[in-house]
Amino acid sequence: MGTNKTVEVSKEQVEQATAMWRGFTKISKYSLIAICASLVLLAIILL
């Protein structure tokens, strides 16, 4: 069975997790843009 315990989280841990999330979303955004650009370029070349 699960337990419900209060977890202590420091301000530094929250800041580190926030920075990691922002980095992840930035990489995801640029990866998606690169994929879309590649698909558009392929569509133009093949048509």
C-alpha atoms as a PDB file:
ATOM      1  CA  MET A   1       0.000   0.000   0.000  1.00  0.00           C
ATOM      2  CA  GLY A   2       1.098   3.542  -0.626  1.00  0.00           C
ATOM      3  CA  THR A   3       1.913   6.037   2.044  1.00  0.00           C
ATOM      4  CA  ASN A   4       1.079   9.705   2.188  1.00  0.00           C
ATOM      5  CA  LYS A   5       4.075  11.520   3.593  1.00  0.00           C
ATOM      6  CA  THR A   6       4.876  15.190   3.293  1.00  0.00           C
ATOM      7  CA  VAL A   7       8.021  15.707   1.266  1.00  0.00           C
ATOM      8  CA  GLU A   8      10.408  18.493   2.165  1.00  0.00           C
ATOM      9  CA  VAL A   9      11.680  20.345  -0.905  1.00  0.00           C
ATOM     10  CA  SER A  10      14.253  23.108  -0.715  1.00  0.00           C
ATOM     11  CA  LYS A  11      14.145  26.279  -2.763  1.00  0.00           C
ATOM     12  CA  GLU A  12      17.344  25.191  -4.552  1.00  0.00           C
ATOM     13  CA  GLN A  13      15.718  21.928  -5.659  1.00  0.00           C
ATOM     14  CA  VAL A  14      12.726  23.794  -7.055  1.00  0.00           C
ATOM     15  CA  GLU A  15      14.992  26.220  -8.926  1.00  0.00           C
ATOM     16  CA  GLN A  16      17.059  23.336 -10.329  1.00  0.00           C
ATOM     17  CA  ALA A  17      13.945  21.480 -11.487  1.00  0.00           C
ATOM     18  CA  THR A  18      12.553  24.653 -13.057  1.00  0.00           C
ATOM     19  CA  ALA A  19      15.812  25.293 -14.928  1.00  0.00           C
ATOM     20  CA  MET A  20      15.870  21.699 -16.155  1.00  0.00           C
ATOM     21  CA  TRP A  21      12.262  21.955 -17.366  1.00  0.00           C
ATOM     22  CA  ARG A  22      12.970  25.209 -19.207  1.00  0.00           C
ATOM     23  CA  GLY A  23      15.985  23.628 -20.900  1.00  0.00           C
ATOM     24  CA  PHE A  24      13.929  20.610 -21.910  1.00  0.00           C
ATOM     25  CA  THR A  25      11.149  22.731 -23.393  1.00  0.00           C
ATOM     26  CA  LYS A  26      13.671  24.903 -25.263  1.00  0.00           C
ATOM     27  CA  ILE A  27      15.326  21.844 -26.833  1.00  0.00           C
ATOM     28  CA  SER A  28      11.918  20.365 -27.652  1.00  0.00           C
ATOM     29  CA  LYS A  29      10.796  23.586 -29.343  1.00  0.00           C
ATOM     30  CA  TYR A  30      13.870  23.840 -31.549  1.00  0.00           C
ATOM     31  CA  SER A  31      13.736  20.134 -32.385  1.00  0.00           C
ATOM     32  CA  LEU A  32      10.113  20.482 -33.486  1.00  0.00           C
ATOM     33  CA  ILE A  33      10.969  23.508 -35.620  1.00  0.00           C
ATOM     34  CA  ALA A  34      13.832  21.588 -37.260  1.00  0.00           C
ATOM     35  CA  ILE A  35      11.597  18.585 -37.970  1.00  0.00           C
ATOM     36  CA  CYS A  36       8.880  20.774 -39.507  1.00  0.00           C
ATOM     37  CA  ALA A  37      11.434  22.622 -41.632  1.00  0.00           C
ATOM     38  CA  SER A  38      12.863  19.300 -42.830  1.00  0.00           C
ATOM     39  CA  LEU A  39       9.421  18.025 -43.783  1.00  0.00           C
ATOM     40  CA  VAL A  40       8.565  21.213 -45.656  1.00  0.00           C
ATOM     41  CA  LEU A  41      11.883  21.078 -47.501  1.00  0.00           C
ATOM     42  CA  LEU A  42      11.309  17.440 -48.450  1.00  0.00           C
ATOM     43  CA  ALA A  43       7.803  18.256 -49.673  1.00  0.00           C
ATOM     44  CA  ILE A  44       9.134  21.081 -51.845  1.00  0.00           C
ATOM     45  CA  ILE A  45      11.908  18.913 -53.291  1.00  0.00           C
ATOM     46  CA  LEU A  46       9.626  15.976 -54.045  1.00  0.00           C
ATOM     47  CA  LEU A  47       6.893  18.029 -55.713  1.00  0.00           C
END
